[in-house]
Amino acid sequence: MVKCNTMQEVREEIDRIDRDLVKLLAERQGYIEQAGVIKGERSAVRDEARIEDVVQKVLAQADKAGLARSIAEPLWRLLIEKSIEHEFTVFDEKNPKAANG
């Protein structure tokens, strides 16, 4: 982390991190889209055990990195929920009969 002396410097660093986060989230979205294509059943899109596994892994990484759990957990749970919604969309576009039936 860079030591900042002005609010302008702080904002520039936050903007830089946000740009990096957007790139990483776009990459993550690409894998979500692949999952939506690969999964054979609509019921496989939402996997509660996987959700909890991801959250626990993230919390372990957050602890190591010094990221507050009060930020990490709700942020990742929202990210996961939005990812699942997107995966359902991808799955339904690929499998219109499954979406309607």
PDB file of N, CA and C in Angstrom:
ATOM      1  N   MET A   1       0.848  -1.171   0.000  1.00  0.00           N
ATOM      2  CA  MET A   1       0.000   0.000   0.000  1.00  0.00           C
ATOM      3  C   MET A   1       0.897   1.240   0.000  1.00  0.00           C
ATOM      4  N   VAL A   2       0.521   2.205  -0.805  1.00  0.00           N
ATOM      5  CA  VAL A   2       1.253   3.459  -0.924  1.00  0.00           C
ATOM      6  C   VAL A   2       0.839   4.387   0.212  1.00  0.00           C
ATOM      7  N   LYS A   3       1.798   5.073   0.810  1.00  0.00           N
ATOM      8  CA  LYS A   3       1.510   6.084   1.837  1.00  0.00           C
ATOM      9  C   LYS A   3       1.090   7.360   1.128  1.00  0.00           C
ATOM     10  N   CYS A   4      -0.127   7.796   1.381  1.00  0.00           N
ATOM     11  CA  CYS A   4      -0.664   8.996   0.740  1.00  0.00           C
ATOM     12  C   CYS A   4      -0.595  10.174   1.699  1.00  0.00           C
ATOM     13  N   ASN A   5      -0.380  11.348   1.127  1.00  0.00           N
ATOM     14  CA  ASN A   5      -0.308  12.571   1.924  1.00  0.00           C
ATOM     15  C   ASN A   5      -1.483  13.507   1.679  1.00  0.00           C
ATOM     16  N   THR A   6      -2.230  13.245   0.614  1.00  0.00           N
ATOM     17  CA  THR A   6      -3.373  14.107   0.295  1.00  0.00           C
ATOM     18  C   THR A   6      -4.581  13.234  -0.061  1.00  0.00           C
ATOM     19  N   MET A   7      -5.750  13.818   0.023  1.00  0.00           N
ATOM     20  CA  MET A   7      -6.960  13.106  -0.379  1.00  0.00           C
ATOM     21  C   MET A   7      -6.930  12.790  -1.872  1.00  0.00           C
ATOM     22  N   GLN A   8      -6.333  13.652  -2.660  1.00  0.00           N
ATOM     23  CA  GLN A   8      -6.213  13.390  -4.097  1.00  0.00           C
ATOM     24  C   GLN A   8      -5.426  12.102  -4.330  1.00  0.00           C
ATOM     25  N   GLU A   9      -4.335  11.920  -3.596  1.00  0.00           N
ATOM     26  CA  GLU A   9      -3.543  10.690  -3.726  1.00  0.00           C
ATOM     27  C   GLU A   9      -4.348   9.469  -3.286  1.00  0.00           C
ATOM     28  N   VAL A  10      -5.084   9.603  -2.188  1.00  0.00           N
ATOM     29  CA  VAL A  10      -5.931   8.501  -1.716  1.00  0.00           C
ATOM     30  C   VAL A  10      -6.941   8.130  -2.800  1.00  0.00           C
ATOM     31  N   ARG A  11      -7.587   9.123  -3.372  1.00  0.00           N
ATOM     32  CA  ARG A  11      -8.605   8.871  -4.400  1.00  0.00           C
ATOM     33  C   ARG A  11      -8.006   8.239  -5.645  1.00  0.00           C
ATOM     34  N   GLU A  12      -6.823   8.677  -6.028  1.00  0.00           N
ATOM     35  CA  GLU A  12      -6.157   8.090  -7.194  1.00  0.00           C
ATOM     36  C   GLU A  12      -5.847   6.617  -6.959  1.00  0.00           C
ATOM     37  N   GLU A  13      -5.408   6.290  -5.759  1.00  0.00           N
ATOM     38  CA  GLU A  13      -5.108   4.887  -5.438  1.00  0.00           C
ATOM     39  C   GLU A  13      -6.382   4.047  -5.401  1.00  0.00           C
ATOM     40  N   ILE A  14      -7.442   4.590  -4.830  1.00  0.00           N
ATOM     41  CA  ILE A  14      -8.718   3.870  -4.808  1.00  0.00           C
ATOM     42  C   ILE A  14      -9.223   3.655  -6.235  1.00  0.00           C
ATOM     43  N   ASP A  15      -9.118   4.677  -7.078  1.00  0.00           N
ATOM     44  CA  ASP A  15      -9.536   4.543  -8.478  1.00  0.00           C
ATOM     45  C   ASP A  15      -8.722   3.462  -9.191  1.00  0.00           C
ATOM     46  N   ARG A  16      -7.427   3.399  -8.918  1.00  0.00           N
ATOM     47  CA  ARG A  16      -6.557   2.375  -9.518  1.00  0.00           C
ATOM     48  C   ARG A  16      -7.010   0.986  -9.081  1.00  0.00           C
ATOM     49  N   ILE A  17      -7.268   0.836  -7.793  1.00  0.00           N
ATOM     50  CA  ILE A  17      -7.725  -0.460  -7.274  1.00  0.00           C
ATOM     51  C   ILE A  17      -9.076  -0.826  -7.883  1.00  0.00           C
ATOM     52  N   ASP A  18      -9.976   0.140  -7.993  1.00  0.00           N
ATOM     53  CA  ASP A  18     -11.287  -0.127  -8.595  1.00  0.00           C
ATOM     54  C   ASP A  18     -11.142  -0.621 -10.030  1.00  0.00           C
ATOM     55  N   ARG A  19     -10.223  -0.026 -10.794  1.00  0.00           N
ATOM     56  CA  ARG A  19      -9.994  -0.495 -12.169  1.00  0.00           C
ATOM     57  C   ARG A  19      -9.534  -1.948 -12.163  1.00  0.00           C
ATOM     58  N   ASP A  20      -8.630  -2.281 -11.251  1.00  0.00           N
ATOM     59  CA  ASP A  20      -8.146  -3.662 -11.142  1.00  0.00           C
ATOM     60  C   ASP A  20      -9.269  -4.608 -10.724  1.00  0.00           C
ATOM     61  N   LEU A  21     -10.090  -4.181  -9.774  1.00  0.00           N
ATOM     62  CA  LEU A  21     -11.206  -5.016  -9.324  1.00  0.00           C
ATOM     63  C   LEU A  21     -12.193  -5.293 -10.459  1.00  0.00           C
ATOM     64  N   VAL A  22     -12.477  -4.283 -11.264  1.00  0.00           N
ATOM     65  CA  VAL A  22     -13.400  -4.469 -12.388  1.00  0.00           C
ATOM     66  C   VAL A  22     -12.849  -5.519 -13.351  1.00  0.00           C
ATOM     67  N   LYS A  23     -11.564  -5.462 -13.639  1.00  0.00           N
ATOM     68  CA  LYS A  23     -10.954  -6.463 -14.530  1.00  0.00           C
ATOM     69  C   LYS A  23     -11.077  -7.862 -13.938  1.00  0.00           C
ATOM     70  N   LEU A  24     -10.801  -7.999 -12.654  1.00  0.00           N
ATOM     71  CA  LEU A  24     -10.898  -9.308 -11.999  1.00  0.00           C
ATOM     72  C   LEU A  24     -12.340  -9.807 -11.951  1.00  0.00           C
ATOM     73  N   LEU A  25     -13.275  -8.909 -11.688  1.00  0.00           N
ATOM     74  CA  LEU A  25     -14.680  -9.308 -11.653  1.00  0.00           C
ATOM     75  C   LEU A  25     -15.174  -9.715 -13.040  1.00  0.00           C
ATOM     76  N   ALA A  26     -14.696  -9.037 -14.071  1.00  0.00           N
ATOM     77  CA  ALA A  26     -15.056  -9.426 -15.438  1.00  0.00           C
ATOM     78  C   ALA A  26     -14.503 -10.815 -15.756  1.00  0.00           C
ATOM     79  N   GLU A  27     -13.286 -11.092 -15.305  1.00  0.00           N
ATOM     80  CA  GLU A  27     -12.710 -12.420 -15.498  1.00  0.00           C
ATOM     81  C   GLU A  27     -13.539 -13.468 -14.749  1.00  0.00           C
ATOM     82  N   ARG A  28     -13.909 -13.162 -13.513  1.00  0.00           N
ATOM     83  CA  ARG A  28     -14.739 -14.074 -12.714  1.00  0.00           C
ATOM     84  C   ARG A  28     -16.075 -14.324 -13.418  1.00  0.00           C
ATOM     85  N   GLN A  29     -16.667 -13.268 -13.963  1.00  0.00           N
ATOM     86  CA  GLN A  29     -17.925 -13.397 -14.691  1.00  0.00           C
ATOM     87  C   GLN A  29     -17.773 -14.350 -15.872  1.00  0.00           C
ATOM     88  N   GLY A  30     -16.644 -14.307 -16.536  1.00  0.00           N
ATOM     89  CA  GLY A  30     -16.407 -15.218 -17.652  1.00  0.00           C
ATOM     90  C   GLY A  30     -16.479 -16.674 -17.224  1.00  0.00           C
ATOM     91  N   TYR A  31     -15.949 -16.972 -16.041  1.00  0.00           N
ATOM     92  CA  TYR A  31     -16.023 -18.345 -15.532  1.00  0.00           C
ATOM     93  C   TYR A  31     -17.444 -18.707 -15.109  1.00  0.00           C
ATOM     94  N   ILE A  32     -18.169 -17.739 -14.583  1.00  0.00           N
ATOM     95  CA  ILE A  32     -19.578 -17.958 -14.247  1.00  0.00           C
ATOM     96  C   ILE A  32     -20.352 -18.312 -15.515  1.00  0.00           C
ATOM     97  N   GLU A  33     -20.062 -17.600 -16.592  1.00  0.00           N
ATOM     98  CA  GLU A  33     -20.735 -17.868 -17.862  1.00  0.00           C
ATOM     99  C   GLU A  33     -20.388 -19.260 -18.379  1.00  0.00           C
ATOM    100  N   GLN A  34     -19.126 -19.665 -18.238  1.00  0.00           N
ATOM    101  CA  GLN A  34     -18.748 -21.019 -18.645  1.00  0.00           C
ATOM    102  C   GLN A  34     -19.514 -22.055 -17.830  1.00  0.00           C
ATOM    103  N   ALA A  35     -19.659 -21.813 -16.542  1.00  0.00           N
ATOM    104  CA  ALA A  35     -20.402 -22.741 -15.685  1.00  0.00           C
ATOM    105  C   ALA A  35     -21.849 -22.856 -16.153  1.00  0.00           C
ATOM    106  N   GLY A  36     -22.435 -21.734 -16.536  1.00  0.00           N
ATOM    107  CA  GLY A  36     -23.812 -21.744 -17.015  1.00  0.00           C
ATOM    108  C   GLY A  36     -23.989 -22.541 -18.292  1.00  0.00           C
ATOM    109  N   VAL A  37     -22.932 -22.646 -19.077  1.00  0.00           N
ATOM    110  CA  VAL A  37     -22.957 -23.442 -20.301  1.00  0.00           C
ATOM    111  C   VAL A  37     -22.695 -24.916 -19.994  1.00  0.00           C
ATOM    112  N   ILE A  38     -21.771 -25.174 -19.085  1.00  0.00           N
ATOM    113  CA  ILE A  38     -21.343 -26.542 -18.781  1.00  0.00           C
ATOM    114  C   ILE A  38     -22.391 -27.326 -18.001  1.00  0.00           C
ATOM    115  N   LYS A  39     -23.031 -26.692 -17.042  1.00  0.00           N
ATOM    116  CA  LYS A  39     -23.981 -27.409 -16.179  1.00  0.00           C
ATOM    117  C   LYS A  39     -25.151 -27.939 -16.999  1.00  0.00           C
ATOM    118  N   GLY A  40     -25.491 -29.186 -16.758  1.00  0.00           N
ATOM    119  CA  GLY A  40     -26.530 -29.843 -17.537  1.00  0.00           C
ATOM    120  C   GLY A  40     -27.935 -29.673 -16.989  1.00  0.00           C
ATOM    121  N   GLU A  41     -28.049 -29.307 -15.728  1.00  0.00           N
ATOM    122  CA  GLU A  41     -29.356 -29.159 -15.084  1.00  0.00           C
ATOM    123  C   GLU A  41     -29.478 -27.765 -14.478  1.00  0.00           C
ATOM    124  N   ARG A  42     -30.635 -27.160 -14.636  1.00  0.00           N
ATOM    125  CA  ARG A  42     -30.860 -25.831 -14.050  1.00  0.00           C
ATOM    126  C   ARG A  42     -30.709 -25.873 -12.533  1.00  0.00           C
ATOM    127  N   SER A  43     -31.106 -26.983 -11.929  1.00  0.00           N
ATOM    128  CA  SER A  43     -31.011 -27.122 -10.472  1.00  0.00           C
ATOM    129  C   SER A  43     -29.566 -27.141  -9.981  1.00  0.00           C
ATOM    130  N   ALA A  44     -28.622 -27.364 -10.886  1.00  0.00           N
ATOM    131  CA  ALA A  44     -27.207 -27.388 -10.505  1.00  0.00           C
ATOM    132  C   ALA A  44     -26.604 -25.989 -10.412  1.00  0.00           C
ATOM    133  N   VAL A  45     -27.322 -24.986 -10.900  1.00  0.00           N
ATOM    134  CA  VAL A  45     -26.773 -23.622 -10.896  1.00  0.00           C
ATOM    135  C   VAL A  45     -26.537 -23.139  -9.468  1.00  0.00           C
ATOM    136  N   ARG A  46     -27.495 -23.340  -8.606  1.00  0.00           N
ATOM    137  CA  ARG A  46     -27.351 -22.903  -7.209  1.00  0.00           C
ATOM    138  C   ARG A  46     -26.892 -24.094  -6.377  1.00  0.00           C
ATOM    139  N   ASP A  47     -25.712 -23.961  -5.780  1.00  0.00           N
ATOM    140  CA  ASP A  47     -25.111 -25.048  -4.996  1.00  0.00           C
ATOM    141  C   ASP A  47     -24.768 -24.492  -3.616  1.00  0.00           C
ATOM    142  N   GLU A  48     -25.639 -24.746  -2.651  1.00  0.00           N
ATOM    143  CA  GLU A  48     -25.475 -24.170  -1.310  1.00  0.00           C
ATOM    144  C   GLU A  48     -24.146 -24.559  -0.667  1.00  0.00           C
ATOM    145  N   ALA A  49     -23.729 -25.805  -0.845  1.00  0.00           N
ATOM    146  CA  ALA A  49     -22.453 -26.237  -0.260  1.00  0.00           C
ATOM    147  C   ALA A  49     -21.297 -25.448  -0.864  1.00  0.00           C
ATOM    148  N   ARG A  50     -21.345 -25.225  -2.173  1.00  0.00           N
ATOM    149  CA  ARG A  50     -20.289 -24.454  -2.843  1.00  0.00           C
ATOM    150  C   ARG A  50     -20.300 -23.006  -2.362  1.00  0.00           C
ATOM    151  N   ILE A  51     -21.477 -22.437  -2.168  1.00  0.00           N
ATOM    152  CA  ILE A  51     -21.566 -21.061  -1.676  1.00  0.00           C
ATOM    153  C   ILE A  51     -20.841 -20.940  -0.342  1.00  0.00           C
ATOM    154  N   GLU A  52     -21.142 -21.832   0.579  1.00  0.00           N
ATOM    155  CA  GLU A  52     -20.512 -21.767   1.904  1.00  0.00           C
ATOM    156  C   GLU A  52     -19.016 -22.039   1.827  1.00  0.00           C
ATOM    157  N   ASP A  53     -18.607 -22.932   0.932  1.00  0.00           N
ATOM    158  CA  ASP A  53     -17.186 -23.208   0.733  1.00  0.00           C
ATOM    159  C   ASP A  53     -16.456 -21.953   0.251  1.00  0.00           C
ATOM    160  N   VAL A  54     -17.040 -21.273  -0.719  1.00  0.00           N
ATOM    161  CA  VAL A  54     -16.433 -20.042  -1.244  1.00  0.00           C
ATOM    162  C   VAL A  54     -16.341 -18.990  -0.149  1.00  0.00           C
ATOM    163  N   VAL A  55     -17.417 -18.796   0.598  1.00  0.00           N
ATOM    164  CA  VAL A  55     -17.419 -17.781   1.660  1.00  0.00           C
ATOM    165  C   VAL A  55     -16.346 -18.094   2.700  1.00  0.00           C
ATOM    166  N   GLN A  56     -16.229 -19.341   3.103  1.00  0.00           N
ATOM    167  CA  GLN A  56     -15.219 -19.701   4.106  1.00  0.00           C
ATOM    168  C   GLN A  56     -13.804 -19.480   3.581  1.00  0.00           C
ATOM    169  N   LYS A  57     -13.568 -19.809   2.324  1.00  0.00           N
ATOM    170  CA  LYS A  57     -12.247 -19.564   1.723  1.00  0.00           C
ATOM    171  C   LYS A  57     -11.947 -18.068   1.675  1.00  0.00           C
ATOM    172  N   VAL A  58     -12.946 -17.286   1.305  1.00  0.00           N
ATOM    173  CA  VAL A  58     -12.771 -15.832   1.243  1.00  0.00           C
ATOM    174  C   VAL A  58     -12.487 -15.268   2.628  1.00  0.00           C
ATOM    175  N   LEU A  59     -13.200 -15.733   3.634  1.00  0.00           N
ATOM    176  CA  LEU A  59     -12.970 -15.232   4.993  1.00  0.00           C
ATOM    177  C   LEU A  59     -11.571 -15.582   5.482  1.00  0.00           C
ATOM    178  N   ALA A  60     -11.083 -16.754   5.136  1.00  0.00           N
ATOM    179  CA  ALA A  60      -9.714 -17.124   5.510  1.00  0.00           C
ATOM    180  C   ALA A  60      -8.714 -16.194   4.832  1.00  0.00           C
ATOM    181  N   GLN A  61      -8.938 -15.897   3.551  1.00  0.00           N
ATOM    182  CA  GLN A  61      -8.057 -14.972   2.840  1.00  0.00           C
ATOM    183  C   GLN A  61      -8.186 -13.558   3.392  1.00  0.00           C
ATOM    184  N   ALA A  62      -9.394 -13.160   3.739  1.00  0.00           N
ATOM    185  CA  ALA A  62      -9.613 -11.829   4.316  1.00  0.00           C
ATOM    186  C   ALA A  62      -8.841 -11.685   5.618  1.00  0.00           C
ATOM    187  N   ASP A  63      -8.886 -12.720   6.446  1.00  0.00           N
ATOM    188  CA  ASP A  63      -8.146 -12.686   7.713  1.00  0.00           C
ATOM    189  C   ASP A  63      -6.654 -12.509   7.463  1.00  0.00           C
ATOM    190  N   LYS A  64      -6.123 -13.241   6.502  1.00  0.00           N
ATOM    191  CA  LYS A  64      -4.689 -13.150   6.185  1.00  0.00           C
ATOM    192  C   LYS A  64      -4.315 -11.776   5.638  1.00  0.00           C
ATOM    193  N   ALA A  65      -5.222 -11.191   4.855  1.00  0.00           N
ATOM    194  CA  ALA A  65      -4.937  -9.917   4.194  1.00  0.00           C
ATOM    195  C   ALA A  65      -5.268  -8.701   5.048  1.00  0.00           C
ATOM    196  N   GLY A  66      -5.947  -8.917   6.178  1.00  0.00           N
ATOM    197  CA  GLY A  66      -6.332  -7.790   7.019  1.00  0.00           C
ATOM    198  C   GLY A  66      -7.606  -7.103   6.562  1.00  0.00           C
ATOM    199  N   LEU A  67      -8.426  -7.815   5.783  1.00  0.00           N
ATOM    200  CA  LEU A  67      -9.716  -7.281   5.351  1.00  0.00           C
ATOM    201  C   LEU A  67     -10.765  -7.660   6.385  1.00  0.00           C
ATOM    202  N   ALA A  68     -11.488  -6.685   6.876  1.00  0.00           N
ATOM    203  CA  ALA A  68     -12.506  -6.931   7.899  1.00  0.00           C
ATOM    204  C   ALA A  68     -13.552  -7.911   7.388  1.00  0.00           C
ATOM    205  N   ARG A  69     -13.872  -8.905   8.221  1.00  0.00           N
ATOM    206  CA  ARG A  69     -14.921  -9.864   7.867  1.00  0.00           C
ATOM    207  C   ARG A  69     -16.253  -9.151   7.654  1.00  0.00           C
ATOM    208  N   SER A  70     -16.466  -8.052   8.359  1.00  0.00           N
ATOM    209  CA  SER A  70     -17.723  -7.306   8.228  1.00  0.00           C
ATOM    210  C   SER A  70     -17.862  -6.663   6.847  1.00  0.00           C
ATOM    211  N   ILE A  71     -16.759  -6.558   6.127  1.00  0.00           N
ATOM    212  CA  ILE A  71     -16.789  -6.104   4.734  1.00  0.00           C
ATOM    213  C   ILE A  71     -16.804  -7.315   3.809  1.00  0.00           C
ATOM    214  N   ALA A  72     -15.898  -8.259   4.047  1.00  0.00           N
ATOM    215  CA  ALA A  72     -15.707  -9.385   3.131  1.00  0.00           C
ATOM    216  C   ALA A  72     -16.947 -10.263   2.991  1.00  0.00           C
ATOM    217  N   GLU A  73     -17.530 -10.666   4.116  1.00  0.00           N
ATOM    218  CA  GLU A  73     -18.623 -11.644   4.015  1.00  0.00           C
ATOM    219  C   GLU A  73     -19.849 -11.101   3.290  1.00  0.00           C
ATOM    220  N   PRO A  74     -20.394  -9.947   3.677  1.00  0.00           N
ATOM    221  CA  PRO A  74     -21.580  -9.483   2.947  1.00  0.00           C
ATOM    222  C   PRO A  74     -21.273  -9.137   1.490  1.00  0.00           C
ATOM    223  N   LEU A  75     -20.073  -8.646   1.229  1.00  0.00           N
ATOM    224  CA  LEU A  75     -19.694  -8.319  -0.142  1.00  0.00           C
ATOM    225  C   LEU A  75     -19.663  -9.579  -0.999  1.00  0.00           C
ATOM    226  N   TRP A  76     -19.054 -10.636  -0.479  1.00  0.00           N
ATOM    227  CA  TRP A  76     -18.964 -11.878  -1.261  1.00  0.00           C
ATOM    228  C   TRP A  76     -20.311 -12.559  -1.385  1.00  0.00           C
ATOM    229  N   ARG A  77     -21.118 -12.497  -0.350  1.00  0.00           N
ATOM    230  CA  ARG A  77     -22.446 -13.112  -0.467  1.00  0.00           C
ATOM    231  C   ARG A  77     -23.274 -12.399  -1.542  1.00  0.00           C
ATOM    232  N   LEU A  78     -23.151 -11.089  -1.626  1.00  0.00           N
ATOM    233  CA  LEU A  78     -23.841 -10.349  -2.683  1.00  0.00           C
ATOM    234  C   LEU A  78     -23.257 -10.705  -4.049  1.00  0.00           C
ATOM    235  N   LEU A  79     -21.944 -10.761  -4.136  1.00  0.00           N
ATOM    236  CA  LEU A  79     -21.284 -11.137  -5.388  1.00  0.00           C
ATOM    237  C   LEU A  79     -21.749 -12.523  -5.842  1.00  0.00           C
ATOM    238  N   ILE A  80     -21.810 -13.452  -4.919  1.00  0.00           N
ATOM    239  CA  ILE A  80     -22.247 -14.807  -5.247  1.00  0.00           C
ATOM    240  C   ILE A  80     -23.697 -14.797  -5.726  1.00  0.00           C
ATOM    241  N   GLU A  81     -24.568 -14.088  -5.029  1.00  0.00           N
ATOM    242  CA  GLU A  81     -25.981 -14.043  -5.431  1.00  0.00           C
ATOM    243  C   GLU A  81     -26.142 -13.453  -6.826  1.00  0.00           C
ATOM    244  N   LYS A  82     -25.444 -12.365  -7.098  1.00  0.00           N
ATOM    245  CA  LYS A  82     -25.528 -11.745  -8.424  1.00  0.00           C
ATOM    246  C   LYS A  82     -24.925 -12.657  -9.482  1.00  0.00           C
ATOM    247  N   SER A  83     -23.881 -13.380  -9.116  1.00  0.00           N
ATOM    248  CA  SER A  83     -23.264 -14.333 -10.043  1.00  0.00           C
ATOM    249  C   SER A  83     -24.224 -15.470 -10.365  1.00  0.00           C
ATOM    250  N   ILE A  84     -24.923 -15.952  -9.358  1.00  0.00           N
ATOM    251  CA  ILE A  84     -25.904 -17.020  -9.575  1.00  0.00           C
ATOM    252  C   ILE A  84     -27.024 -16.522 -10.491  1.00  0.00           C
ATOM    253  N   GLU A  85     -27.505 -15.315 -10.256  1.00  0.00           N
ATOM    254  CA  GLU A  85     -28.535 -14.742 -11.131  1.00  0.00           C
ATOM    255  C   GLU A  85     -28.050 -14.705 -12.572  1.00  0.00           C
ATOM    256  N   HIS A  86     -26.796 -14.275 -12.763  1.00  0.00           N
ATOM    257  CA  HIS A  86     -26.226 -14.194 -14.107  1.00  0.00           C
ATOM    258  C   HIS A  86     -26.081 -15.594 -14.707  1.00  0.00           C
ATOM    259  N   GLU A  87     -25.643 -16.539 -13.895  1.00  0.00           N
ATOM    260  CA  GLU A  87     -25.486 -17.910 -14.377  1.00  0.00           C
ATOM    261  C   GLU A  87     -26.837 -18.493 -14.802  1.00  0.00           C
ATOM    262  N   PHE A  88     -27.899 -18.213 -14.047  1.00  0.00           N
ATOM    263  CA  PHE A  88     -29.236 -18.652 -14.451  1.00  0.00           C
ATOM    264  C   PHE A  88     -29.600 -18.064 -15.818  1.00  0.00           C
ATOM    265  N   THR A  89     -29.290 -16.792 -16.027  1.00  0.00           N
ATOM    266  CA  THR A  89     -29.578 -16.150 -17.310  1.00  0.00           C
ATOM    267  C   THR A  89     -28.847 -16.856 -18.437  1.00  0.00           C
ATOM    268  N   VAL A  90     -27.567 -17.121 -18.235  1.00  0.00           N
ATOM    269  CA  VAL A  90     -26.768 -17.810 -19.253  1.00  0.00           C
ATOM    270  C   VAL A  90     -27.332 -19.211 -19.496  1.00  0.00           C
ATOM    271  N   PHE A  91     -27.614 -19.934 -18.423  1.00  0.00           N
ATOM    272  CA  PHE A  91     -28.157 -21.288 -18.552  1.00  0.00           C
ATOM    273  C   PHE A  91     -29.471 -21.258 -19.333  1.00  0.00           C
ATOM    274  N   ASP A  92     -30.362 -20.336 -18.966  1.00  0.00           N
ATOM    275  CA  ASP A  92     -31.675 -20.260 -19.608  1.00  0.00           C
ATOM    276  C   ASP A  92     -31.571 -19.886 -21.084  1.00  0.00           C
ATOM    277  N   GLU A  93     -30.609 -19.039 -21.433  1.00  0.00           N
ATOM    278  CA  GLU A  93     -30.420 -18.676 -22.839  1.00  0.00           C
ATOM    279  C   GLU A  93     -29.949 -19.885 -23.646  1.00  0.00           C
ATOM    280  N   LYS A  94     -29.132 -20.716 -23.023  1.00  0.00           N
ATOM    281  CA  LYS A  94     -28.618 -21.905 -23.700  1.00  0.00           C
ATOM    282  C   LYS A  94     -29.648 -23.033 -23.707  1.00  0.00           C
ATOM    283  N   ASN A  95     -30.516 -23.062 -22.731  1.00  0.00           N
ATOM    284  CA  ASN A  95     -31.490 -24.143 -22.563  1.00  0.00           C
ATOM    285  C   ASN A  95     -32.896 -23.571 -22.400  1.00  0.00           C
ATOM    286  N   PRO A  96     -33.463 -22.993 -23.444  1.00  0.00           N
ATOM    287  CA  PRO A  96     -34.766 -22.335 -23.285  1.00  0.00           C
ATOM    288  C   PRO A  96     -35.876 -23.269 -22.810  1.00  0.00           C
ATOM    289  N   LYS A  97     -35.823 -24.535 -23.154  1.00  0.00           N
ATOM    290  CA  LYS A  97     -36.860 -25.474 -22.701  1.00  0.00           C
ATOM    291  C   LYS A  97     -36.793 -25.669 -21.192  1.00  0.00           C
ATOM    292  N   ALA A  98     -35.586 -25.722 -20.632  1.00  0.00           N
ATOM    293  CA  ALA A  98     -35.420 -25.888 -19.180  1.00  0.00           C
ATOM    294  C   ALA A  98     -35.923 -24.657 -18.441  1.00  0.00           C
ATOM    295  N   ALA A  99     -35.727 -23.483 -19.016  1.00  0.00           N
ATOM    296  CA  ALA A  99     -36.154 -22.238 -18.374  1.00  0.00           C
ATOM    297  C   ALA A  99     -37.677 -22.137 -18.322  1.00  0.00           C
ATOM    298  N   ASN A 100     -38.336 -22.666 -19.334  1.00  0.00           N
ATOM    299  CA  ASN A 100     -39.794 -22.549 -19.418  1.00  0.00           C
ATOM    300  C   ASN A 100     -40.532 -23.725 -18.795  1.00  0.00           C
ATOM    301  N   GLY A 101     -39.813 -24.802 -18.525  1.00  0.00           N
ATOM    302  CA  GLY A 101     -40.534 -25.973 -18.074  1.00  0.00           C
ATOM    303  C   GLY A 101     -40.186 -26.375 -16.722  1.00  0.00           C
TER     304      GLY A 101
END
